[in-house]
């Protein structure tokens, strides 16, 4: 193959790869993977392991973020076979993603084995990611499958926090970890500790969407404190961010509406709460955020089980339907 042809193919590779990356940024997952697949084909023609891995990894990641877990798992497995050509950072990313897929599909022991292996890695970021993933696994099991393991989630998140260096690029991650710890305390009904962690996390963040996420969580705590004025204030501030054209985020806006529903429910405004819950549910389902859909259906069921059994039974069926997306499955 001539040098001119090789250079041209390399340029074509990056044209497709960069176009795919731009589409991924816009969450146009199907189109993104078409262009990543084209770049993969060129990498294979050039017989360049690094270009092949680069494209293959993006294809797997797109499948993962678009919730096509079985397909993502297959591609990540194929990538594992290329370990000798991978950087340690890429290999850790692949292994951690496989662990997350196991956790999200009920294969908890296999997930735990991967995460425990990853925390032995020399790279502090790999250790941190493994501890975060292990914490989320325990959080998930406690929240949806009634396993008493939220204390293990907090321990894992706390270990992850130890591997934040304090550098600027770690501030966002530290913010998220502190928020995760706060969310775990909230689930344990330790609302004072939850609020403390949320407020600590606010000191580290400038990203507007991340700020809105944390304000939503703070509002939930104030609802439990019966400080409805502060809850409303935080919800409105978050809502203002999420409705801005530069920060629009359907998932988090749906969560904001859901928490508005929790507030209405606490205040005894049942029909208003029901309307808000339905709107939030629609947003979560459209975004394929099934854990949140489960939470909404559970709230509606509990709200109506003693006053409208027909409506309660309908949402219990919906609860079971969406819970099936979280139950163990064979990959």
C-alpha atoms as a PDB file:
ATOM      1  CA  UNK A   1       0.000   0.000   0.000  1.00  0.00           C
ATOM      2  CA  UNK A   2       1.441   3.393  -0.938  1.00  0.00           C
ATOM      3  CA  UNK A   3       2.230   6.066   1.626  1.00  0.00           C
ATOM      4  CA  UNK A   4      -0.285   8.383  -0.008  1.00  0.00           C
ATOM      5  CA  UNK A   5      -3.082   5.817   0.330  1.00  0.00           C
ATOM      6  CA  UNK A   6      -2.140   5.091   3.950  1.00  0.00           C
ATOM      7  CA  UNK A   7      -2.237   8.747   4.898  1.00  0.00           C
ATOM      8  CA  UNK A   8      -5.554   9.182   3.113  1.00  0.00           C
ATOM      9  CA  UNK A   9      -7.068   6.245   4.951  1.00  0.00           C
ATOM     10  CA  UNK A  10      -5.829   7.567   8.275  1.00  0.00           C
ATOM     11  CA  UNK A  11      -7.368  10.944   7.504  1.00  0.00           C
ATOM     12  CA  UNK A  12     -10.619   9.223   6.529  1.00  0.00           C
ATOM     13  CA  UNK A  13     -10.529   7.258   9.776  1.00  0.00           C
ATOM     14  CA  UNK A  14     -10.410  10.448  11.832  1.00  0.00           C
ATOM     15  CA  UNK A  15     -13.050  12.141   9.704  1.00  0.00           C
ATOM     16  CA  UNK A  16     -15.498   9.341  10.507  1.00  0.00           C
ATOM     17  CA  UNK A  17     -14.335   9.070  14.120  1.00  0.00           C
ATOM     18  CA  UNK A  18     -14.661  12.798  14.803  1.00  0.00           C
ATOM     19  CA  UNK A  19     -18.054  12.961  13.117  1.00  0.00           C
ATOM     20  CA  UNK A  20     -19.215  10.052  15.267  1.00  0.00           C
ATOM     21  CA  UNK A  21     -17.900  11.777  18.398  1.00  0.00           C
ATOM     22  CA  UNK A  22     -19.876  14.923  17.540  1.00  0.00           C
ATOM     23  CA  UNK A  23     -23.031  12.845  17.079  1.00  0.00           C
ATOM     24  CA  UNK A  24     -22.391  11.093  20.390  1.00  0.00           C
ATOM     25  CA  UNK A  25     -22.159  14.478  22.084  1.00  0.00           C
ATOM     26  CA  UNK A  26     -25.657  15.211  20.750  1.00  0.00           C
ATOM     27  CA  UNK A  27     -26.849  11.781  21.999  1.00  0.00           C
ATOM     28  CA  UNK A  28     -27.624  10.646  18.456  1.00  0.00           C
ATOM     29  CA  UNK A  29     -26.488   7.169  19.351  1.00  0.00           C
ATOM     30  CA  UNK A  30     -27.570   5.229  16.269  1.00  0.00           C
ATOM     31  CA  UNK A  31     -25.913   7.634  13.831  1.00  0.00           C
ATOM     32  CA  UNK A  32     -22.816   7.831  16.025  1.00  0.00           C
ATOM     33  CA  UNK A  33     -22.306   4.084  15.935  1.00  0.00           C
ATOM     34  CA  UNK A  34     -22.682   3.991  12.152  1.00  0.00           C
ATOM     35  CA  UNK A  35     -19.715   6.348  11.824  1.00  0.00           C
ATOM     36  CA  UNK A  36     -17.715   4.587  14.546  1.00  0.00           C
ATOM     37  CA  UNK A  37     -18.323   1.340  12.618  1.00  0.00           C
ATOM     38  CA  UNK A  38     -16.952   2.972   9.471  1.00  0.00           C
ATOM     39  CA  UNK A  39     -13.849   4.100  11.319  1.00  0.00           C
ATOM     40  CA  UNK A  40     -13.464   0.555  12.692  1.00  0.00           C
ATOM     41  CA  UNK A  41     -13.540  -0.867   9.158  1.00  0.00           C
ATOM     42  CA  UNK A  42     -10.768   1.517   8.102  1.00  0.00           C
ATOM     43  CA  UNK A  43      -8.734   0.590  11.179  1.00  0.00           C
ATOM     44  CA  UNK A  44      -9.068  -3.067  10.214  1.00  0.00           C
ATOM     45  CA  UNK A  45      -8.010  -2.309   6.618  1.00  0.00           C
ATOM     46  CA  UNK A  46      -4.929  -0.527   7.975  1.00  0.00           C
ATOM     47  CA  UNK A  47      -4.408  -3.420  10.421  1.00  0.00           C
ATOM     48  CA  UNK A  48      -3.715  -0.858  13.144  1.00  0.00           C
ATOM     49  CA  UNK A  49      -4.537  -2.308  16.617  1.00  0.00           C
ATOM     50  CA  UNK A  50      -4.719   1.116  18.259  1.00  0.00           C
ATOM     51  CA  UNK A  51      -7.242   2.466  15.740  1.00  0.00           C
ATOM     52  CA  UNK A  52      -9.259  -0.746  16.021  1.00  0.00           C
ATOM     53  CA  UNK A  53      -9.381  -0.479  19.811  1.00  0.00           C
ATOM     54  CA  UNK A  54     -10.189   3.232  19.628  1.00  0.00           C
ATOM     55  CA  UNK A  55     -13.267   2.607  17.445  1.00  0.00           C
ATOM     56  CA  UNK A  56     -14.304  -0.635  19.131  1.00  0.00           C
ATOM     57  CA  UNK A  57     -14.253   1.056  22.543  1.00  0.00           C
ATOM     58  CA  UNK A  58     -16.490   3.887  21.349  1.00  0.00           C
ATOM     59  CA  UNK A  59     -18.962   1.430  19.810  1.00  0.00           C
ATOM     60  CA  UNK A  60     -19.172  -0.411  23.140  1.00  0.00           C
ATOM     61  CA  UNK A  61     -19.543   2.833  25.096  1.00  0.00           C
ATOM     62  CA  UNK A  62     -22.364   4.059  22.834  1.00  0.00           C
ATOM     63  CA  UNK A  63     -24.219   0.774  23.310  1.00  0.00           C
ATOM     64  CA  UNK A  64     -23.664   1.074  27.067  1.00  0.00           C
ATOM     65  CA  UNK A  65     -24.964   4.647  27.450  1.00  0.00           C
ATOM     66  CA  UNK A  66     -27.958   3.857  25.214  1.00  0.00           C
ATOM     67  CA  UNK A  67     -28.845   1.010  27.611  1.00  0.00           C
ATOM     68  CA  UNK A  68     -28.209  -1.822  25.124  1.00  0.00           C
ATOM     69  CA  UNK A  69     -26.387  -3.754  27.787  1.00  0.00           C
ATOM     70  CA  UNK A  70     -26.270  -7.184  26.173  1.00  0.00           C
ATOM     71  CA  UNK A  71     -24.770  -5.785  22.962  1.00  0.00           C
ATOM     72  CA  UNK A  72     -22.350  -3.627  24.945  1.00  0.00           C
ATOM     73  CA  UNK A  73     -21.263  -6.646  26.987  1.00  0.00           C
ATOM     74  CA  UNK A  74     -20.493  -8.610  23.810  1.00  0.00           C
ATOM     75  CA  UNK A  75     -18.301  -5.817  22.418  1.00  0.00           C
ATOM     76  CA  UNK A  76     -16.498  -5.259  25.733  1.00  0.00           C
ATOM     77  CA  UNK A  77     -15.757  -8.989  25.813  1.00  0.00           C
ATOM     78  CA  UNK A  78     -14.290  -8.765  22.308  1.00  0.00           C
ATOM     79  CA  UNK A  79     -12.163  -5.858  23.483  1.00  0.00           C
ATOM     80  CA  UNK A  80     -10.812  -7.911  26.398  1.00  0.00           C
ATOM     81  CA  UNK A  81      -9.254 -10.244  23.844  1.00  0.00           C
ATOM     82  CA  UNK A  82      -7.145  -7.273  22.675  1.00  0.00           C
ATOM     83  CA  UNK A  83      -5.704  -6.654  26.150  1.00  0.00           C
ATOM     84  CA  UNK A  84      -2.080  -6.953  25.043  1.00  0.00           C
ATOM     85  CA  UNK A  85      -2.541  -3.979  22.703  1.00  0.00           C
ATOM     86  CA  UNK A  86      -4.430  -1.834  25.239  1.00  0.00           C
ATOM     87  CA  UNK A  87      -3.155   0.809  27.585  1.00  0.00           C
ATOM     88  CA  UNK A  88      -3.761  -0.004  31.277  1.00  0.00           C
ATOM     89  CA  UNK A  89      -6.243   2.898  31.408  1.00  0.00           C
ATOM     90  CA  UNK A  90      -8.364   1.486  28.572  1.00  0.00           C
ATOM     91  CA  UNK A  91      -8.255  -2.026  30.032  1.00  0.00           C
ATOM     92  CA  UNK A  92      -9.494  -0.730  33.409  1.00  0.00           C
ATOM     93  CA  UNK A  93     -12.285   1.154  31.656  1.00  0.00           C
ATOM     94  CA  UNK A  94     -13.404  -2.016  29.862  1.00  0.00           C
ATOM     95  CA  UNK A  95     -13.288  -4.153  33.015  1.00  0.00           C
ATOM     96  CA  UNK A  96     -15.161  -1.576  35.077  1.00  0.00           C
ATOM     97  CA  UNK A  97     -17.867  -1.279  32.422  1.00  0.00           C
ATOM     98  CA  UNK A  98     -18.320  -5.064  32.389  1.00  0.00           C
ATOM     99  CA  UNK A  99     -18.635  -4.918  36.170  1.00  0.00           C
ATOM    100  CA  UNK A 100     -21.321  -2.234  35.906  1.00  0.00           C
ATOM    101  CA  UNK A 101     -23.256  -4.342  33.390  1.00  0.00           C
ATOM    102  CA  UNK A 102     -23.099  -7.305  35.768  1.00  0.00           C
ATOM    103  CA  UNK A 103     -24.333  -5.103  38.628  1.00  0.00           C
ATOM    104  CA  UNK A 104     -27.182  -3.629  36.608  1.00  0.00           C
ATOM    105  CA  UNK A 105     -28.343  -7.069  35.520  1.00  0.00           C
ATOM    106  CA  UNK A 106     -28.242  -8.804  38.881  1.00  0.00           C
ATOM    107  CA  UNK A 107     -24.939 -10.662  38.579  1.00  0.00           C
ATOM    108  CA  UNK A 108     -23.749  -9.061  41.787  1.00  0.00           C
ATOM    109  CA  UNK A 109     -21.031 -11.499  42.815  1.00  0.00           C
ATOM    110  CA  UNK A 110     -19.368 -11.300  39.389  1.00  0.00           C
ATOM    111  CA  UNK A 111     -19.589  -7.497  39.535  1.00  0.00           C
ATOM    112  CA  UNK A 112     -18.103  -7.453  43.035  1.00  0.00           C
ATOM    113  CA  UNK A 113     -15.236  -9.701  41.907  1.00  0.00           C
ATOM    114  CA  UNK A 114     -14.356  -7.312  39.075  1.00  0.00           C
ATOM    115  CA  UNK A 115     -14.522  -4.199  41.257  1.00  0.00           C
ATOM    116  CA  UNK A 116     -12.419  -5.829  43.991  1.00  0.00           C
ATOM    117  CA  UNK A 117      -9.847  -6.754  41.355  1.00  0.00           C
ATOM    118  CA  UNK A 118      -9.836  -3.196  39.987  1.00  0.00           C
ATOM    119  CA  UNK A 119      -9.189  -1.596  43.407  1.00  0.00           C
ATOM    120  CA  UNK A 120      -5.865  -3.473  43.443  1.00  0.00           C
ATOM    121  CA  UNK A 121      -4.788  -1.597  40.325  1.00  0.00           C
ATOM    122  CA  UNK A 122      -1.903   0.880  40.556  1.00  0.00           C
ATOM    123  CA  UNK A 123      -3.833   3.701  38.881  1.00  0.00           C
ATOM    124  CA  UNK A 124      -5.630   5.843  41.524  1.00  0.00           C
ATOM    125  CA  UNK A 125      -8.361   6.772  39.033  1.00  0.00           C
ATOM    126  CA  UNK A 126      -9.035   3.096  38.325  1.00  0.00           C
ATOM    127  CA  UNK A 127      -9.291   2.440  42.066  1.00  0.00           C
ATOM    128  CA  UNK A 128     -11.628   5.386  42.500  1.00  0.00           C
ATOM    129  CA  UNK A 129     -13.906   4.297  39.667  1.00  0.00           C
ATOM    130  CA  UNK A 130     -14.059   0.747  41.043  1.00  0.00           C
ATOM    131  CA  UNK A 131     -15.026   1.979  44.516  1.00  0.00           C
ATOM    132  CA  UNK A 132     -17.699   4.258  43.033  1.00  0.00           C
ATOM    133  CA  UNK A 133     -19.132   1.390  40.991  1.00  0.00           C
ATOM    134  CA  UNK A 134     -19.114  -0.909  44.009  1.00  0.00           C
ATOM    135  CA  UNK A 135     -20.898   1.769  46.010  1.00  0.00           C
ATOM    136  CA  UNK A 136     -23.545   2.191  43.332  1.00  0.00           C
ATOM    137  CA  UNK A 137     -24.055  -1.577  43.230  1.00  0.00           C
ATOM    138  CA  UNK A 138     -24.780  -1.660  46.967  1.00  0.00           C
ATOM    139  CA  UNK A 139     -26.974   1.466  46.687  1.00  0.00           C
ATOM    140  CA  UNK A 140     -28.925  -0.180  43.866  1.00  0.00           C
ATOM    141  CA  UNK A 141     -29.442  -3.442  45.774  1.00  0.00           C
ATOM    142  CA  UNK A 142     -30.618  -1.626  48.903  1.00  0.00           C
ATOM    143  CA  UNK A 143     -32.967   0.749  47.057  1.00  0.00           C
ATOM    144  CA  UNK A 144     -34.685  -1.717  44.741  1.00  0.00           C
ATOM    145  CA  UNK A 145     -34.226  -5.221  46.134  1.00  0.00           C
ATOM    146  CA  UNK A 146     -34.593  -4.585  49.871  1.00  0.00           C
ATOM    147  CA  UNK A 147     -31.100  -5.748  50.783  1.00  0.00           C
ATOM    148  CA  UNK A 148     -29.711  -4.017  53.864  1.00  0.00           C
ATOM    149  CA  UNK A 149     -26.368  -2.874  52.449  1.00  0.00           C
ATOM    150  CA  UNK A 150     -26.457   0.938  52.287  1.00  0.00           C
ATOM    151  CA  UNK A 151     -23.688   1.114  54.914  1.00  0.00           C
ATOM    152  CA  UNK A 152     -21.448  -0.759  52.446  1.00  0.00           C
ATOM    153  CA  UNK A 153     -22.366   1.781  49.780  1.00  0.00           C
ATOM    154  CA  UNK A 154     -21.229   4.626  52.059  1.00  0.00           C
ATOM    155  CA  UNK A 155     -17.986   2.792  52.868  1.00  0.00           C
ATOM    156  CA  UNK A 156     -17.245   2.319  49.159  1.00  0.00           C
ATOM    157  CA  UNK A 157     -18.041   5.943  48.262  1.00  0.00           C
ATOM    158  CA  UNK A 158     -15.863   7.127  51.161  1.00  0.00           C
ATOM    159  CA  UNK A 159     -12.956   5.016  49.885  1.00  0.00           C
ATOM    160  CA  UNK A 160     -13.474   6.494  46.419  1.00  0.00           C
ATOM    161  CA  UNK A 161     -13.248   9.991  47.904  1.00  0.00           C
ATOM    162  CA  UNK A 162      -9.797   9.148  49.290  1.00  0.00           C
ATOM    163  CA  UNK A 163      -8.522   8.818  45.713  1.00  0.00           C
ATOM    164  CA  UNK A 164      -9.546  12.330  44.667  1.00  0.00           C
ATOM    165  CA  UNK A 165      -6.290  14.243  44.410  1.00  0.00           C
ATOM    166  CA  UNK A 166      -7.706  17.717  44.941  1.00  0.00           C
ATOM    167  CA  UNK A 167      -6.600  18.862  41.493  1.00  0.00           C
ATOM    168  CA  UNK A 168      -9.040  20.868  39.391  1.00  0.00           C
ATOM    169  CA  UNK A 169      -9.943  17.914  37.157  1.00  0.00           C
ATOM    170  CA  UNK A 170     -10.921  15.913  40.255  1.00  0.00           C
ATOM    171  CA  UNK A 171     -13.329  18.499  41.642  1.00  0.00           C
ATOM    172  CA  UNK A 172     -16.290  17.333  39.559  1.00  0.00           C
ATOM    173  CA  UNK A 173     -15.696  13.722  40.570  1.00  0.00           C
ATOM    174  CA  UNK A 174     -15.361  14.650  44.244  1.00  0.00           C
ATOM    175  CA  UNK A 175     -18.614  16.613  43.989  1.00  0.00           C
ATOM    176  CA  UNK A 176     -20.405  13.567  42.579  1.00  0.00           C
ATOM    177  CA  UNK A 177     -18.965  11.261  45.236  1.00  0.00           C
ATOM    178  CA  UNK A 178     -20.070  13.560  48.057  1.00  0.00           C
ATOM    179  CA  UNK A 179     -23.529  13.721  46.478  1.00  0.00           C
ATOM    180  CA  UNK A 180     -23.606   9.915  46.246  1.00  0.00           C
ATOM    181  CA  UNK A 181     -22.747   9.703  49.951  1.00  0.00           C
ATOM    182  CA  UNK A 182     -25.517  12.206  50.688  1.00  0.00           C
ATOM    183  CA  UNK A 183     -28.010  10.161  48.677  1.00  0.00           C
ATOM    184  CA  UNK A 184     -27.017   7.040  50.621  1.00  0.00           C
ATOM    185  CA  UNK A 185     -27.519   8.833  53.951  1.00  0.00           C
ATOM    186  CA  UNK A 186     -30.915  10.010  52.674  1.00  0.00           C
ATOM    187  CA  UNK A 187     -31.964   6.422  51.954  1.00  0.00           C
ATOM    188  CA  UNK A 188     -30.903   5.512  55.496  1.00  0.00           C
ATOM    189  CA  UNK A 189     -33.124   8.378  56.760  1.00  0.00           C
ATOM    190  CA  UNK A 190     -30.107  10.197  58.212  1.00  0.00           C
ATOM    191  CA  UNK A 191     -31.267  13.485  56.737  1.00  0.00           C
ATOM    192  CA  UNK A 192     -28.884  15.689  58.721  1.00  0.00           C
ATOM    193  CA  UNK A 193     -25.825  13.832  57.388  1.00  0.00           C
ATOM    194  CA  UNK A 194     -27.332  13.830  53.897  1.00  0.00           C
ATOM    195  CA  UNK A 195     -27.802  17.610  53.919  1.00  0.00           C
ATOM    196  CA  UNK A 196     -24.266  18.125  55.226  1.00  0.00           C
ATOM    197  CA  UNK A 197     -22.782  16.087  52.369  1.00  0.00           C
ATOM    198  CA  UNK A 198     -24.922  17.832  49.754  1.00  0.00           C
ATOM    199  CA  UNK A 199     -23.809  21.237  51.015  1.00  0.00           C
ATOM    200  CA  UNK A 200     -20.167  20.129  51.036  1.00  0.00           C
ATOM    201  CA  UNK A 201     -20.517  19.046  47.428  1.00  0.00           C
ATOM    202  CA  UNK A 202     -21.920  22.447  46.402  1.00  0.00           C
ATOM    203  CA  UNK A 203     -18.613  24.090  47.310  1.00  0.00           C
ATOM    204  CA  UNK A 204     -16.849  22.113  44.586  1.00  0.00           C
ATOM    205  CA  UNK A 205     -19.075  22.553  41.565  1.00  0.00           C
ATOM    206  CA  UNK A 206     -19.545  25.078  38.789  1.00  0.00           C
ATOM    207  CA  UNK A 207     -21.238  22.806  36.218  1.00  0.00           C
ATOM    208  CA  UNK A 208     -24.859  23.961  36.006  1.00  0.00           C
ATOM    209  CA  UNK A 209     -26.508  20.578  35.391  1.00  0.00           C
ATOM    210  CA  UNK A 210     -24.565  18.994  38.252  1.00  0.00           C
ATOM    211  CA  UNK A 211     -25.628  21.916  40.433  1.00  0.00           C
ATOM    212  CA  UNK A 212     -29.274  21.306  39.504  1.00  0.00           C
ATOM    213  CA  UNK A 213     -28.960  17.614  40.373  1.00  0.00           C
ATOM    214  CA  UNK A 214     -27.665  18.452  43.831  1.00  0.00           C
ATOM    215  CA  UNK A 215     -30.304  21.130  44.411  1.00  0.00           C
ATOM    216  CA  UNK A 216     -32.948  18.511  43.614  1.00  0.00           C
ATOM    217  CA  UNK A 217     -31.464  16.188  46.233  1.00  0.00           C
ATOM    218  CA  UNK A 218     -31.318  18.992  48.803  1.00  0.00           C
ATOM    219  CA  UNK A 219     -35.000  19.683  48.180  1.00  0.00           C
ATOM    220  CA  UNK A 220     -35.830  16.078  49.107  1.00  0.00           C
ATOM    221  CA  UNK A 221     -34.117  16.534  52.471  1.00  0.00           C
ATOM    222  CA  UNK A 222     -36.026  19.730  53.217  1.00  0.00           C
ATOM    223  CA  UNK A 223     -39.271  17.922  52.420  1.00  0.00           C
ATOM    224  CA  UNK A 224     -38.416  15.386  55.117  1.00  0.00           C
ATOM    225  CA  UNK A 225     -37.610  18.256  57.497  1.00  0.00           C
ATOM    226  CA  UNK A 226     -41.066  19.700  56.661  1.00  0.00           C
ATOM    227  CA  UNK A 227     -39.330  22.896  55.568  1.00  0.00           C
ATOM    228  CA  UNK A 228     -41.440  23.213  52.449  1.00  0.00           C
ATOM    229  CA  UNK A 229     -40.354  26.783  51.716  1.00  0.00           C
ATOM    230  CA  UNK A 230     -36.693  25.749  51.421  1.00  0.00           C
ATOM    231  CA  UNK A 231     -37.668  22.675  49.413  1.00  0.00           C
ATOM    232  CA  UNK A 232     -39.601  24.819  46.958  1.00  0.00           C
ATOM    233  CA  UNK A 233     -36.747  27.327  46.736  1.00  0.00           C
ATOM    234  CA  UNK A 234     -34.226  24.624  45.781  1.00  0.00           C
ATOM    235  CA  UNK A 235     -36.623  23.003  43.311  1.00  0.00           C
ATOM    236  CA  UNK A 236     -37.285  26.297  41.557  1.00  0.00           C
ATOM    237  CA  UNK A 237     -33.587  27.114  41.342  1.00  0.00           C
ATOM    238  CA  UNK A 238     -32.885  23.691  39.830  1.00  0.00           C
ATOM    239  CA  UNK A 239     -35.854  23.989  37.479  1.00  0.00           C
ATOM    240  CA  UNK A 240     -34.653  27.379  36.240  1.00  0.00           C
ATOM    241  CA  UNK A 241     -31.302  25.845  35.286  1.00  0.00           C
ATOM    242  CA  UNK A 242     -32.819  22.787  33.627  1.00  0.00           C
ATOM    243  CA  UNK A 243     -35.235  24.806  31.495  1.00  0.00           C
ATOM    244  CA  UNK A 244     -32.421  26.968  30.124  1.00  0.00           C
ATOM    245  CA  UNK A 245     -31.679  26.105  26.501  1.00  0.00           C
ATOM    246  CA  UNK A 246     -27.977  25.511  27.274  1.00  0.00           C
ATOM    247  CA  UNK A 247     -28.586  23.096  30.149  1.00  0.00           C
ATOM    248  CA  UNK A 248     -31.784  21.297  29.212  1.00  0.00           C
ATOM    249  CA  UNK A 249     -31.710  17.767  30.610  1.00  0.00           C
ATOM    250  CA  UNK A 250     -34.853  15.620  30.357  1.00  0.00           C
ATOM    251  CA  UNK A 251     -33.738  13.069  32.942  1.00  0.00           C
ATOM    252  CA  UNK A 252     -32.972  15.640  35.621  1.00  0.00           C
ATOM    253  CA  UNK A 253     -35.992  17.783  34.760  1.00  0.00           C
ATOM    254  CA  UNK A 254     -38.159  14.671  35.197  1.00  0.00           C
ATOM    255  CA  UNK A 255     -36.524  14.120  38.581  1.00  0.00           C
ATOM    256  CA  UNK A 256     -37.289  17.730  39.500  1.00  0.00           C
ATOM    257  CA  UNK A 257     -40.961  17.214  38.602  1.00  0.00           C
ATOM    258  CA  UNK A 258     -40.980  13.958  40.589  1.00  0.00           C
ATOM    259  CA  UNK A 259     -39.652  15.766  43.682  1.00  0.00           C
ATOM    260  CA  UNK A 260     -42.284  18.481  43.164  1.00  0.00           C
ATOM    261  CA  UNK A 261     -44.724  15.560  43.369  1.00  0.00           C
ATOM    262  CA  UNK A 262     -43.176  14.371  46.640  1.00  0.00           C
ATOM    263  CA  UNK A 263     -43.640  17.866  48.032  1.00  0.00           C
ATOM    264  CA  UNK A 264     -47.275  18.029  46.884  1.00  0.00           C
ATOM    265  CA  UNK A 265     -47.915  14.593  48.394  1.00  0.00           C
ATOM    266  CA  UNK A 266     -46.470  15.679  51.765  1.00  0.00           C
ATOM    267  CA  UNK A 267     -48.684  18.762  51.689  1.00  0.00           C
ATOM    268  CA  UNK A 268     -51.777  16.628  51.071  1.00  0.00           C
ATOM    269  CA  UNK A 269     -52.341  17.858  47.498  1.00  0.00           C
ATOM    270  CA  UNK A 270     -52.946  14.364  46.165  1.00  0.00           C
ATOM    271  CA  UNK A 271     -54.266  15.110  42.676  1.00  0.00           C
ATOM    272  CA  UNK A 272     -51.524  17.683  42.043  1.00  0.00           C
ATOM    273  CA  UNK A 273     -48.967  15.122  43.157  1.00  0.00           C
ATOM    274  CA  UNK A 274     -50.519  12.517  40.863  1.00  0.00           C
ATOM    275  CA  UNK A 275     -50.298  14.861  37.869  1.00  0.00           C
ATOM    276  CA  UNK A 276     -46.656  15.638  38.637  1.00  0.00           C
ATOM    277  CA  UNK A 277     -45.809  11.959  39.135  1.00  0.00           C
ATOM    278  CA  UNK A 278     -47.393  11.055  35.763  1.00  0.00           C
ATOM    279  CA  UNK A 279     -45.407  13.755  33.970  1.00  0.00           C
ATOM    280  CA  UNK A 280     -42.177  12.612  35.636  1.00  0.00           C
ATOM    281  CA  UNK A 281     -42.917   8.982  34.789  1.00  0.00           C
ATOM    282  CA  UNK A 282     -43.369   9.836  31.129  1.00  0.00           C
ATOM    283  CA  UNK A 283     -39.992  11.611  31.082  1.00  0.00           C
ATOM    284  CA  UNK A 284     -38.185   8.719  32.784  1.00  0.00           C
ATOM    285  CA  UNK A 285     -39.692   6.139  30.427  1.00  0.00           C
ATOM    286  CA  UNK A 286     -38.834   8.230  27.358  1.00  0.00           C
ATOM    287  CA  UNK A 287     -35.253   8.437  28.643  1.00  0.00           C
ATOM    288  CA  UNK A 288     -35.257   4.717  29.556  1.00  0.00           C
ATOM    289  CA  UNK A 289     -34.418   5.590  33.178  1.00  0.00           C
ATOM    290  CA  UNK A 290     -36.254   2.605  34.605  1.00  0.00           C
ATOM    291  CA  UNK A 291     -35.015   2.762  38.223  1.00  0.00           C
ATOM    292  CA  UNK A 292     -36.648   6.185  38.554  1.00  0.00           C
ATOM    293  CA  UNK A 293     -39.794   4.894  36.829  1.00  0.00           C
ATOM    294  CA  UNK A 294     -39.947   2.209  39.524  1.00  0.00           C
ATOM    295  CA  UNK A 295     -39.720   4.849  42.260  1.00  0.00           C
ATOM    296  CA  UNK A 296     -42.514   6.948  40.731  1.00  0.00           C
ATOM    297  CA  UNK A 297     -44.879   3.979  40.390  1.00  0.00           C
ATOM    298  CA  UNK A 298     -44.164   2.987  43.976  1.00  0.00           C
ATOM    299  CA  UNK A 299     -45.019   6.491  45.214  1.00  0.00           C
ATOM    300  CA  UNK A 300     -48.307   6.528  43.274  1.00  0.00           C
ATOM    301  CA  UNK A 301     -49.236   3.078  44.582  1.00  0.00           C
ATOM    302  CA  UNK A 302     -48.553   4.071  48.187  1.00  0.00           C
ATOM    303  CA  UNK A 303     -50.485   7.312  47.764  1.00  0.00           C
ATOM    304  CA  UNK A 304     -53.625   5.579  46.459  1.00  0.00           C
ATOM    305  CA  UNK A 305     -53.636   2.105  47.990  1.00  0.00           C
ATOM    306  CA  UNK A 306     -56.099   3.128  50.745  1.00  0.00           C
ATOM    307  CA  UNK A 307     -58.227   5.592  48.763  1.00  0.00           C
ATOM    308  CA  UNK A 308     -58.363   4.323  45.171  1.00  0.00           C
ATOM    309  CA  UNK A 309     -57.539   0.645  44.892  1.00  0.00           C
ATOM    310  CA  UNK A 310     -58.112   0.510  41.126  1.00  0.00           C
ATOM    311  CA  UNK A 311     -55.534   3.216  40.476  1.00  0.00           C
ATOM    312  CA  UNK A 312     -53.197   1.742  43.073  1.00  0.00           C
ATOM    313  CA  UNK A 313     -53.376  -1.712  41.490  1.00  0.00           C
ATOM    314  CA  UNK A 314     -52.681  -0.272  38.028  1.00  0.00           C
ATOM    315  CA  UNK A 315     -49.489   1.407  39.224  1.00  0.00           C
ATOM    316  CA  UNK A 316     -48.437  -1.654  41.176  1.00  0.00           C
ATOM    317  CA  UNK A 317     -48.587  -3.527  37.860  1.00  0.00           C
ATOM    318  CA  UNK A 318     -46.527  -0.734  36.281  1.00  0.00           C
ATOM    319  CA  UNK A 319     -44.102  -0.953  39.198  1.00  0.00           C
ATOM    320  CA  UNK A 320     -43.599  -4.669  38.580  1.00  0.00           C
ATOM    321  CA  UNK A 321     -43.275  -4.085  34.837  1.00  0.00           C
ATOM    322  CA  UNK A 322     -40.436  -1.567  35.192  1.00  0.00           C
ATOM    323  CA  UNK A 323     -38.833  -3.553  37.999  1.00  0.00           C
ATOM    324  CA  UNK A 324     -38.406  -6.382  35.492  1.00  0.00           C
ATOM    325  CA  UNK A 325     -35.895  -4.180  33.667  1.00  0.00           C
ATOM    326  CA  UNK A 326     -33.771  -4.248  36.820  1.00  0.00           C
ATOM    327  CA  UNK A 327     -34.103  -7.930  37.660  1.00  0.00           C
ATOM    328  CA  UNK A 328     -31.316 -10.430  37.016  1.00  0.00           C
ATOM    329  CA  UNK A 329     -31.006 -11.623  33.427  1.00  0.00           C
ATOM    330  CA  UNK A 330     -28.560 -13.864  31.621  1.00  0.00           C
ATOM    331  CA  UNK A 331     -26.184 -11.996  29.327  1.00  0.00           C
END
